[in-house]
């Protein structure tokens, strides 16, 4: 019997990153994530501070202090016995105007984070990619709706930036709030 394929996004689905903390520290203010409408938290940086921000973050290690979301480890470990799981994550991140390219650092950090935190998922199951739409899977779990194309079951992981989808778009997805809901759906 062939196992179904399952693509899981990394950022804001598997892991809570340290990026919001970095933005808050740079701006020296607390941000209510529920009021943020942009997908990209760097959009919160005022235009006149963007170059300084890119310089500020170029040596940050975003995944050193990152942690798995609650129940993620246990659920993925169980699902790994039933599905062929692949972690698909973006790593290209650069600002050409400031001459900063964080891509290599992010690729390395994400790779080692996955190895340490999810040892039962092999590196052969990591997909480092920008355009997840070119991937065909039976099931996709992501917080960005446009990344869910080319899947039979599209699971939208709730995040600050996808809370206010138009009703017609919302109908395309099965929305989940946490990993226990994913387990109930896929067990």
N, C-alpha and C. Protein backbone atom coordinates (compact mmCIF):
# COMPACT_ATOMS: atom_id res chain seq x y z
N UNK A 1 0.83 -1.18 0.00
CA UNK A 1 0.00 0.00 0.00
C UNK A 1 0.88 1.25 0.00
N UNK A 2 0.65 2.14 -0.94
CA UNK A 2 1.40 3.38 -1.02
C UNK A 2 0.87 4.39 -0.02
N UNK A 3 1.80 5.02 0.67
CA UNK A 3 1.41 6.07 1.61
C UNK A 3 1.10 7.34 0.83
N UNK A 4 0.16 8.13 1.35
CA UNK A 4 -0.12 9.42 0.77
C UNK A 4 1.02 10.38 1.09
N UNK A 5 1.21 11.36 0.21
CA UNK A 5 2.25 12.35 0.42
C UNK A 5 1.68 13.56 1.15
N UNK A 6 2.47 14.08 2.07
CA UNK A 6 2.05 15.19 2.91
C UNK A 6 3.16 16.24 2.95
N UNK A 7 2.87 17.44 2.46
CA UNK A 7 3.81 18.56 2.52
C UNK A 7 3.45 19.43 3.71
N UNK A 8 4.44 19.76 4.52
CA UNK A 8 4.24 20.62 5.67
C UNK A 8 5.17 21.81 5.57
N UNK A 9 4.61 23.00 5.69
CA UNK A 9 5.41 24.22 5.72
C UNK A 9 6.15 24.29 7.05
N UNK A 10 7.23 25.06 7.08
CA UNK A 10 8.02 25.15 8.30
C UNK A 10 7.63 26.37 9.15
N UNK A 11 7.80 27.57 8.61
CA UNK A 11 7.62 28.79 9.39
C UNK A 11 6.16 29.07 9.69
N UNK A 12 5.87 29.26 10.96
CA UNK A 12 4.53 29.55 11.48
C UNK A 12 3.56 28.38 11.31
N UNK A 13 4.11 27.20 11.01
CA UNK A 13 3.32 25.97 11.00
C UNK A 13 3.99 24.95 11.92
N UNK A 14 5.27 24.71 11.71
CA UNK A 14 6.04 23.82 12.57
C UNK A 14 6.72 24.60 13.68
N UNK A 15 7.24 25.75 13.33
CA UNK A 15 8.11 26.50 14.22
C UNK A 15 7.60 27.93 14.44
N UNK A 16 7.73 28.38 15.67
CA UNK A 16 7.53 29.79 15.92
C UNK A 16 8.93 30.39 15.93
N UNK A 17 9.15 31.28 15.00
CA UNK A 17 10.47 31.85 14.85
C UNK A 17 10.72 32.97 15.83
N UNK A 18 11.88 33.47 15.74
CA UNK A 18 12.30 34.56 16.60
C UNK A 18 12.17 35.90 15.87
N UNK A 19 11.63 35.89 14.66
CA UNK A 19 11.64 37.09 13.84
C UNK A 19 10.81 38.22 14.44
N UNK A 20 9.64 37.91 14.99
CA UNK A 20 8.82 38.95 15.61
C UNK A 20 9.59 39.61 16.75
N UNK A 21 10.29 38.81 17.55
CA UNK A 21 11.09 39.37 18.63
C UNK A 21 12.18 40.29 18.10
N UNK A 22 12.78 39.93 16.99
CA UNK A 22 13.83 40.75 16.39
C UNK A 22 13.25 42.08 15.93
N UNK A 23 12.10 42.04 15.28
CA UNK A 23 11.43 43.27 14.83
C UNK A 23 11.07 44.14 16.02
N UNK A 24 10.51 43.54 17.06
CA UNK A 24 10.14 44.30 18.26
C UNK A 24 11.36 44.95 18.91
N UNK A 25 12.45 44.20 19.00
CA UNK A 25 13.67 44.75 19.60
C UNK A 25 14.20 45.91 18.76
N UNK A 26 14.21 45.74 17.45
CA UNK A 26 14.70 46.80 16.56
C UNK A 26 13.85 48.06 16.71
N UNK A 27 12.54 47.89 16.73
CA UNK A 27 11.63 49.04 16.83
C UNK A 27 11.46 49.54 18.28
N UNK A 28 11.94 48.75 19.23
CA UNK A 28 11.82 49.06 20.65
C UNK A 28 10.36 49.26 21.04
N UNK A 29 9.52 48.32 20.58
CA UNK A 29 8.11 48.35 20.97
C UNK A 29 7.50 46.97 20.81
N UNK A 30 6.48 46.70 21.59
CA UNK A 30 5.75 45.44 21.53
C UNK A 30 4.73 45.54 20.39
N UNK A 31 4.59 44.46 19.63
CA UNK A 31 3.66 44.44 18.50
C UNK A 31 2.58 43.40 18.78
N UNK A 32 1.33 43.80 18.65
CA UNK A 32 0.22 42.87 18.76
C UNK A 32 0.06 42.19 17.41
N UNK A 33 0.51 40.95 17.33
CA UNK A 33 0.51 40.22 16.06
C UNK A 33 -0.88 40.12 15.45
N UNK A 34 -1.91 40.16 16.26
CA UNK A 34 -3.28 40.05 15.76
C UNK A 34 -3.74 41.29 15.01
N UNK A 35 -2.99 42.37 15.10
CA UNK A 35 -3.34 43.59 14.37
C UNK A 35 -2.55 43.73 13.07
N UNK A 36 -1.60 42.84 12.85
CA UNK A 36 -0.75 42.90 11.66
C UNK A 36 -1.50 42.29 10.48
N UNK A 37 -1.55 43.00 9.38
CA UNK A 37 -2.25 42.50 8.19
C UNK A 37 -1.31 41.96 7.12
N UNK A 38 -0.07 42.40 7.14
CA UNK A 38 0.89 42.00 6.13
C UNK A 38 1.40 40.58 6.39
N UNK A 39 1.71 39.86 5.33
CA UNK A 39 2.31 38.54 5.45
C UNK A 39 3.75 38.67 5.95
N UNK A 40 4.42 39.73 5.55
CA UNK A 40 5.83 39.93 5.89
C UNK A 40 5.97 40.90 7.06
N UNK A 41 6.54 40.42 8.15
CA UNK A 41 6.70 41.27 9.33
C UNK A 41 7.67 42.42 9.09
N UNK A 42 8.58 42.27 8.14
CA UNK A 42 9.50 43.36 7.84
C UNK A 42 8.77 44.56 7.24
N UNK A 43 7.53 44.37 6.80
CA UNK A 43 6.74 45.50 6.31
C UNK A 43 6.38 46.48 7.44
N UNK A 44 6.56 46.06 8.68
CA UNK A 44 6.30 46.93 9.83
C UNK A 44 7.41 47.96 10.04
N UNK A 45 8.53 47.75 9.38
CA UNK A 45 9.67 48.66 9.52
C UNK A 45 9.42 49.90 8.67
N UNK A 46 9.48 51.10 9.28
CA UNK A 46 9.31 52.33 8.48
C UNK A 46 10.37 52.42 7.38
N UNK A 47 9.98 52.96 6.26
CA UNK A 47 10.85 53.04 5.09
C UNK A 47 12.22 53.65 5.41
N UNK A 48 12.23 54.70 6.22
CA UNK A 48 13.50 55.37 6.52
C UNK A 48 14.42 54.55 7.42
N UNK A 49 13.92 53.43 7.98
CA UNK A 49 14.73 52.58 8.85
C UNK A 49 15.08 51.23 8.20
N UNK A 50 14.63 51.01 6.98
CA UNK A 50 14.80 49.69 6.36
C UNK A 50 16.27 49.30 6.18
N UNK A 51 17.11 50.22 5.71
CA UNK A 51 18.53 49.88 5.53
C UNK A 51 19.17 49.51 6.86
N UNK A 52 18.87 50.28 7.89
CA UNK A 52 19.41 49.98 9.22
C UNK A 52 18.89 48.63 9.72
N UNK A 53 17.64 48.33 9.44
CA UNK A 53 17.06 47.05 9.86
C UNK A 53 17.78 45.89 9.18
N UNK A 54 18.00 45.98 7.88
CA UNK A 54 18.68 44.90 7.17
C UNK A 54 20.10 44.70 7.70
N UNK A 55 20.78 45.79 8.03
CA UNK A 55 22.11 45.66 8.64
C UNK A 55 22.01 44.99 10.01
N UNK A 56 20.98 45.37 10.75
CA UNK A 56 20.75 44.84 12.09
C UNK A 56 20.51 43.33 12.07
N UNK A 57 19.77 42.84 11.10
CA UNK A 57 19.41 41.41 11.10
C UNK A 57 20.39 40.51 10.37
N UNK A 58 21.36 41.07 9.68
CA UNK A 58 22.18 40.22 8.81
C UNK A 58 22.94 39.13 9.54
N UNK A 59 23.25 39.33 10.81
CA UNK A 59 23.98 38.31 11.57
C UNK A 59 23.12 37.62 12.63
N UNK A 60 21.83 37.87 12.61
CA UNK A 60 20.94 37.23 13.58
C UNK A 60 20.78 35.75 13.24
N UNK A 61 20.68 34.95 14.26
CA UNK A 61 20.46 33.51 14.09
C UNK A 61 19.01 33.23 14.48
N UNK A 62 18.13 33.26 13.51
CA UNK A 62 16.69 33.21 13.77
C UNK A 62 16.22 31.89 14.35
N UNK A 63 16.90 30.81 14.07
CA UNK A 63 16.42 29.51 14.51
C UNK A 63 17.13 28.99 15.76
N UNK A 64 18.08 29.73 16.29
CA UNK A 64 18.75 29.32 17.54
C UNK A 64 17.76 29.32 18.71
N UNK A 65 16.88 30.32 18.74
CA UNK A 65 15.93 30.44 19.85
C UNK A 65 14.51 30.04 19.43
N UNK A 66 14.36 29.55 18.23
CA UNK A 66 13.04 29.16 17.75
C UNK A 66 12.61 27.85 18.41
N UNK A 67 11.32 27.64 18.45
CA UNK A 67 10.82 26.40 19.06
C UNK A 67 9.66 25.84 18.23
N UNK A 68 9.46 24.55 18.40
CA UNK A 68 8.35 23.89 17.72
C UNK A 68 7.04 24.37 18.33
N UNK A 69 6.01 24.43 17.52
CA UNK A 69 4.69 24.75 18.04
C UNK A 69 4.19 23.60 18.92
N UNK A 70 3.31 23.88 19.87
CA UNK A 70 2.80 22.83 20.76
C UNK A 70 2.22 21.65 19.98
N UNK A 71 2.56 20.46 20.42
CA UNK A 71 2.08 19.17 19.87
C UNK A 71 2.63 18.84 18.50
N UNK A 72 3.40 19.72 17.90
CA UNK A 72 3.92 19.47 16.55
C UNK A 72 4.77 18.20 16.50
N UNK A 73 5.71 18.07 17.41
CA UNK A 73 6.60 16.91 17.42
C UNK A 73 5.80 15.61 17.49
N UNK A 74 4.93 15.50 18.48
CA UNK A 74 4.18 14.26 18.68
C UNK A 74 3.28 13.93 17.49
N UNK A 75 2.61 14.94 16.96
CA UNK A 75 1.70 14.69 15.83
C UNK A 75 2.48 14.30 14.59
N UNK A 76 3.55 15.01 14.28
CA UNK A 76 4.34 14.66 13.11
C UNK A 76 4.96 13.27 13.25
N UNK A 77 5.39 12.93 14.44
CA UNK A 77 5.97 11.61 14.65
C UNK A 77 4.94 10.51 14.37
N UNK A 78 3.71 10.71 14.82
CA UNK A 78 2.64 9.75 14.55
C UNK A 78 2.28 9.71 13.07
N UNK A 79 2.13 10.89 12.47
CA UNK A 79 1.75 10.95 11.05
C UNK A 79 2.84 10.40 10.13
N UNK A 80 4.08 10.48 10.57
CA UNK A 80 5.19 9.99 9.77
C UNK A 80 5.10 8.49 9.52
N UNK A 81 4.37 7.78 10.36
CA UNK A 81 4.18 6.34 10.17
C UNK A 81 3.11 6.05 9.12
N UNK A 82 2.24 7.02 8.89
CA UNK A 82 1.12 6.83 7.98
C UNK A 82 1.32 7.53 6.63
N UNK A 83 2.10 8.60 6.61
CA UNK A 83 2.28 9.43 5.40
C UNK A 83 3.75 9.56 5.05
N UNK A 84 4.01 9.85 3.79
CA UNK A 84 5.33 10.28 3.35
C UNK A 84 5.38 11.79 3.54
N UNK A 85 6.02 12.23 4.61
CA UNK A 85 6.04 13.64 4.98
C UNK A 85 7.27 14.33 4.40
N UNK A 86 7.03 15.51 3.85
CA UNK A 86 8.11 16.37 3.37
C UNK A 86 7.92 17.75 3.98
N UNK A 87 9.01 18.32 4.46
CA UNK A 87 8.99 19.68 4.98
C UNK A 87 9.43 20.59 3.84
N UNK A 88 8.55 21.49 3.44
CA UNK A 88 8.86 22.43 2.34
C UNK A 88 8.94 23.84 2.93
N UNK A 89 10.06 24.49 2.69
CA UNK A 89 10.27 25.80 3.28
C UNK A 89 11.08 26.71 2.38
N UNK A 90 10.75 27.98 2.42
CA UNK A 90 11.49 28.99 1.66
C UNK A 90 12.74 29.38 2.42
N UNK A 91 13.76 29.77 1.70
CA UNK A 91 14.99 30.21 2.36
C UNK A 91 15.63 31.40 1.66
N UNK A 92 15.12 31.80 0.51
CA UNK A 92 15.68 32.95 -0.21
C UNK A 92 15.17 34.21 0.47
N UNK A 93 16.11 34.98 0.97
CA UNK A 93 15.73 36.20 1.66
C UNK A 93 16.85 37.19 1.48
N UNK A 94 16.60 38.18 0.64
CA UNK A 94 17.66 39.15 0.40
C UNK A 94 17.08 40.53 0.14
N UNK A 95 17.92 41.49 0.32
CA UNK A 95 17.60 42.88 0.02
C UNK A 95 18.70 43.38 -0.88
N UNK A 96 18.43 43.40 -2.19
CA UNK A 96 19.45 43.80 -3.15
C UNK A 96 19.90 45.24 -2.95
N UNK A 97 18.95 46.11 -2.56
CA UNK A 97 19.30 47.51 -2.37
C UNK A 97 20.32 47.69 -1.26
N UNK A 98 20.19 46.93 -0.19
CA UNK A 98 21.13 47.03 0.93
C UNK A 98 22.34 46.11 0.73
N UNK A 99 22.32 45.30 -0.34
CA UNK A 99 23.43 44.39 -0.60
C UNK A 99 23.52 43.25 0.41
N UNK A 100 22.38 42.84 0.94
CA UNK A 100 22.37 41.80 1.96
C UNK A 100 21.60 40.59 1.45
N UNK A 101 22.22 39.43 1.58
CA UNK A 101 21.58 38.17 1.19
C UNK A 101 21.71 37.20 2.37
N UNK A 102 20.58 36.91 3.00
CA UNK A 102 20.56 36.02 4.16
C UNK A 102 20.27 34.58 3.78
N UNK A 103 20.13 34.30 2.50
CA UNK A 103 19.66 33.00 2.03
C UNK A 103 20.51 31.83 2.52
N UNK A 104 21.82 31.93 2.38
CA UNK A 104 22.70 30.84 2.79
C UNK A 104 22.60 30.57 4.28
N UNK A 105 22.54 31.64 5.08
CA UNK A 105 22.40 31.48 6.52
C UNK A 105 21.09 30.80 6.86
N UNK A 106 19.99 31.24 6.23
CA UNK A 106 18.68 30.66 6.52
C UNK A 106 18.63 29.19 6.12
N UNK A 107 19.19 28.87 4.97
CA UNK A 107 19.21 27.48 4.52
C UNK A 107 19.91 26.59 5.56
N UNK A 108 21.07 27.03 6.00
CA UNK A 108 21.84 26.26 6.99
C UNK A 108 21.09 26.17 8.32
N UNK A 109 20.57 27.30 8.80
CA UNK A 109 19.86 27.30 10.07
C UNK A 109 18.63 26.40 10.04
N UNK A 110 17.86 26.47 8.96
CA UNK A 110 16.66 25.65 8.85
C UNK A 110 17.02 24.17 8.80
N UNK A 111 18.03 23.84 8.03
CA UNK A 111 18.48 22.45 7.91
C UNK A 111 18.83 21.88 9.29
N UNK A 112 19.66 22.59 10.04
CA UNK A 112 20.10 22.08 11.34
C UNK A 112 18.98 22.11 12.38
N UNK A 113 18.09 23.09 12.27
CA UNK A 113 16.93 23.12 13.18
C UNK A 113 16.08 21.87 12.96
N UNK A 114 15.78 21.54 11.72
CA UNK A 114 14.96 20.36 11.42
C UNK A 114 15.65 19.08 11.89
N UNK A 115 16.96 18.99 11.65
CA UNK A 115 17.68 17.79 12.09
C UNK A 115 17.62 17.62 13.60
N UNK A 116 17.77 18.72 14.33
CA UNK A 116 17.77 18.64 15.79
C UNK A 116 16.37 18.41 16.36
N UNK A 117 15.39 19.15 15.86
CA UNK A 117 14.06 19.15 16.49
C UNK A 117 13.14 18.03 15.99
N UNK A 118 13.37 17.56 14.75
CA UNK A 118 12.52 16.51 14.18
C UNK A 118 13.41 15.39 13.61
N UNK A 119 14.13 14.68 14.45
CA UNK A 119 15.11 13.71 13.97
C UNK A 119 14.52 12.53 13.19
N UNK A 120 13.25 12.28 13.33
CA UNK A 120 12.60 11.17 12.62
C UNK A 120 12.27 11.53 11.17
N UNK A 121 12.40 12.79 10.82
CA UNK A 121 12.23 13.22 9.42
C UNK A 121 13.62 13.41 8.84
N UNK A 122 13.92 12.64 7.83
CA UNK A 122 15.27 12.60 7.25
C UNK A 122 15.52 13.82 6.36
N UNK A 123 16.79 14.23 6.22
CA UNK A 123 17.11 15.35 5.34
C UNK A 123 16.61 15.15 3.90
N UNK A 124 16.47 13.91 3.47
CA UNK A 124 15.94 13.64 2.13
C UNK A 124 14.49 14.08 2.01
N UNK A 125 13.87 14.37 3.15
CA UNK A 125 12.47 14.80 3.19
C UNK A 125 12.34 16.31 3.34
N UNK A 126 13.44 17.05 3.25
CA UNK A 126 13.42 18.51 3.28
C UNK A 126 13.39 19.02 1.86
N UNK A 127 12.54 19.99 1.61
CA UNK A 127 12.49 20.65 0.30
C UNK A 127 12.68 22.15 0.54
N UNK A 128 13.79 22.68 0.07
CA UNK A 128 14.07 24.11 0.19
C UNK A 128 13.69 24.74 -1.14
N UNK A 129 12.68 25.58 -1.12
CA UNK A 129 12.05 26.04 -2.36
C UNK A 129 11.37 27.39 -2.12
N UNK A 130 11.15 28.13 -3.16
CA UNK A 130 10.39 29.37 -3.05
C UNK A 130 8.96 29.15 -3.52
N UNK A 131 8.78 28.58 -4.70
CA UNK A 131 7.46 28.41 -5.29
C UNK A 131 6.91 27.01 -4.97
N UNK A 132 6.12 26.92 -3.92
CA UNK A 132 5.56 25.63 -3.51
C UNK A 132 4.43 25.17 -4.43
N UNK A 133 3.96 26.05 -5.29
CA UNK A 133 2.89 25.67 -6.22
C UNK A 133 3.35 24.64 -7.24
N UNK A 134 4.63 24.53 -7.46
CA UNK A 134 5.12 23.55 -8.43
C UNK A 134 5.17 22.14 -7.82
N UNK A 135 4.89 22.05 -6.52
CA UNK A 135 4.88 20.76 -5.84
C UNK A 135 3.48 20.17 -5.82
N UNK A 136 3.36 18.91 -6.20
CA UNK A 136 2.09 18.19 -6.16
C UNK A 136 2.12 17.21 -5.00
N UNK A 137 1.17 17.34 -4.09
CA UNK A 137 1.07 16.46 -2.93
C UNK A 137 -0.38 16.08 -2.73
N UNK A 138 -0.59 14.95 -2.08
CA UNK A 138 -1.96 14.58 -1.72
C UNK A 138 -2.51 15.60 -0.74
N UNK A 139 -1.68 15.98 0.23
CA UNK A 139 -2.10 16.90 1.29
C UNK A 139 -1.02 17.96 1.47
N UNK A 140 -1.44 19.21 1.63
CA UNK A 140 -0.51 20.29 1.95
C UNK A 140 -1.02 21.03 3.18
N UNK A 141 -0.07 21.36 4.07
CA UNK A 141 -0.37 22.17 5.25
C UNK A 141 0.53 23.40 5.18
N UNK A 142 -0.08 24.58 5.16
CA UNK A 142 0.69 25.82 5.04
C UNK A 142 -0.13 26.95 5.63
N UNK A 143 0.52 28.03 6.00
CA UNK A 143 -0.19 29.21 6.49
C UNK A 143 -0.42 30.24 5.39
N UNK A 144 0.18 30.03 4.24
CA UNK A 144 0.01 30.94 3.11
C UNK A 144 -0.91 30.26 2.10
N UNK A 145 -2.12 30.78 1.91
CA UNK A 145 -3.09 30.11 1.03
C UNK A 145 -2.56 29.79 -0.36
N UNK A 146 -1.79 30.67 -0.95
CA UNK A 146 -1.31 30.43 -2.32
C UNK A 146 -0.36 29.24 -2.41
N UNK A 147 0.21 28.81 -1.29
CA UNK A 147 1.10 27.64 -1.30
C UNK A 147 0.35 26.31 -1.27
N UNK A 148 -0.97 26.36 -1.17
CA UNK A 148 -1.76 25.14 -1.05
C UNK A 148 -2.26 24.58 -2.38
N UNK A 149 -1.96 25.26 -3.46
CA UNK A 149 -2.36 24.75 -4.78
C UNK A 149 -1.72 23.38 -5.02
N UNK A 150 -2.30 22.61 -5.91
CA UNK A 150 -1.80 21.29 -6.30
C UNK A 150 -1.80 20.28 -5.15
N UNK A 151 -2.89 20.29 -4.39
CA UNK A 151 -3.09 19.29 -3.34
C UNK A 151 -4.55 18.88 -3.35
N UNK A 152 -4.81 17.63 -3.01
CA UNK A 152 -6.19 17.16 -2.90
C UNK A 152 -6.85 17.70 -1.64
N UNK A 153 -6.10 17.73 -0.55
CA UNK A 153 -6.58 18.28 0.71
C UNK A 153 -5.69 19.46 1.07
N UNK A 154 -6.30 20.62 1.21
CA UNK A 154 -5.56 21.87 1.48
C UNK A 154 -5.87 22.31 2.90
N UNK A 155 -4.87 22.18 3.77
CA UNK A 155 -5.05 22.52 5.18
C UNK A 155 -4.37 23.86 5.44
N UNK A 156 -5.18 24.84 5.81
CA UNK A 156 -4.68 26.19 6.08
C UNK A 156 -4.45 26.33 7.57
N UNK A 157 -3.19 26.51 7.95
CA UNK A 157 -2.84 26.71 9.35
C UNK A 157 -3.06 28.18 9.68
N UNK A 158 -3.91 28.46 10.64
CA UNK A 158 -4.25 29.84 10.97
C UNK A 158 -3.03 30.64 11.42
N UNK A 159 -2.97 31.86 10.92
CA UNK A 159 -1.89 32.79 11.27
C UNK A 159 -2.45 34.20 11.18
N UNK A 160 -1.70 35.14 11.72
CA UNK A 160 -2.16 36.53 11.74
C UNK A 160 -2.54 37.04 10.36
N UNK A 161 -1.85 36.62 9.34
CA UNK A 161 -2.01 37.18 8.00
C UNK A 161 -3.10 36.49 7.17
N UNK A 162 -3.70 35.41 7.67
CA UNK A 162 -4.72 34.73 6.87
C UNK A 162 -6.07 34.66 7.57
N UNK A 163 -6.27 35.47 8.60
CA UNK A 163 -7.52 35.44 9.38
C UNK A 163 -8.71 36.04 8.64
N UNK A 164 -8.47 36.97 7.74
CA UNK A 164 -9.57 37.70 7.11
C UNK A 164 -9.72 37.37 5.63
N UNK A 165 -9.70 36.11 5.29
CA UNK A 165 -9.87 35.72 3.88
C UNK A 165 -11.31 35.92 3.45
N UNK A 166 -11.52 36.29 2.19
CA UNK A 166 -12.90 36.36 1.69
C UNK A 166 -13.55 34.97 1.79
N UNK A 167 -14.84 34.94 2.02
CA UNK A 167 -15.56 33.69 2.23
C UNK A 167 -15.35 32.70 1.09
N UNK A 168 -15.37 33.17 -0.15
CA UNK A 168 -15.17 32.27 -1.29
C UNK A 168 -13.80 31.61 -1.26
N UNK A 169 -12.79 32.36 -0.86
CA UNK A 169 -11.45 31.77 -0.76
C UNK A 169 -11.36 30.81 0.43
N UNK A 170 -11.95 31.21 1.53
CA UNK A 170 -11.93 30.40 2.76
C UNK A 170 -12.50 29.00 2.50
N UNK A 171 -13.49 28.90 1.64
CA UNK A 171 -14.15 27.62 1.34
C UNK A 171 -13.21 26.61 0.68
N UNK A 172 -12.10 27.08 0.11
CA UNK A 172 -11.16 26.20 -0.59
C UNK A 172 -10.32 25.36 0.37
N UNK A 173 -10.30 25.77 1.65
CA UNK A 173 -9.36 25.19 2.60
C UNK A 173 -10.06 24.58 3.81
N UNK A 174 -9.34 23.69 4.43
CA UNK A 174 -9.75 23.19 5.74
C UNK A 174 -8.86 23.91 6.75
N UNK A 175 -9.41 24.84 7.49
CA UNK A 175 -8.63 25.66 8.42
C UNK A 175 -8.43 24.91 9.74
N UNK A 176 -7.19 24.99 10.24
CA UNK A 176 -6.87 24.43 11.55
C UNK A 176 -6.19 25.49 12.40
N UNK A 177 -6.37 25.36 13.71
CA UNK A 177 -5.79 26.32 14.65
C UNK A 177 -4.55 25.78 15.35
N UNK A 178 -4.37 24.45 15.32
CA UNK A 178 -3.27 23.86 16.07
C UNK A 178 -2.98 22.45 15.55
N UNK A 179 -1.95 21.84 16.14
CA UNK A 179 -1.54 20.51 15.68
C UNK A 179 -2.49 19.40 16.11
N UNK A 180 -3.20 19.57 17.20
CA UNK A 180 -4.19 18.56 17.59
C UNK A 180 -5.31 18.48 16.55
N UNK A 181 -5.71 19.61 16.01
CA UNK A 181 -6.73 19.60 14.95
C UNK A 181 -6.21 18.89 13.70
N UNK A 182 -4.94 19.08 13.39
CA UNK A 182 -4.34 18.38 12.25
C UNK A 182 -4.39 16.87 12.51
N UNK A 183 -4.02 16.47 13.71
CA UNK A 183 -4.02 15.04 14.02
C UNK A 183 -5.43 14.45 13.88
N UNK A 184 -6.43 15.13 14.41
CA UNK A 184 -7.80 14.65 14.31
C UNK A 184 -8.24 14.52 12.86
N UNK A 185 -7.79 15.40 12.04
CA UNK A 185 -8.15 15.39 10.62
C UNK A 185 -7.45 14.26 9.85
N UNK A 186 -6.22 13.98 10.20
CA UNK A 186 -5.40 13.07 9.39
C UNK A 186 -5.11 11.70 10.01
N UNK A 187 -5.52 11.47 11.25
CA UNK A 187 -5.16 10.20 11.91
C UNK A 187 -5.77 8.99 11.23
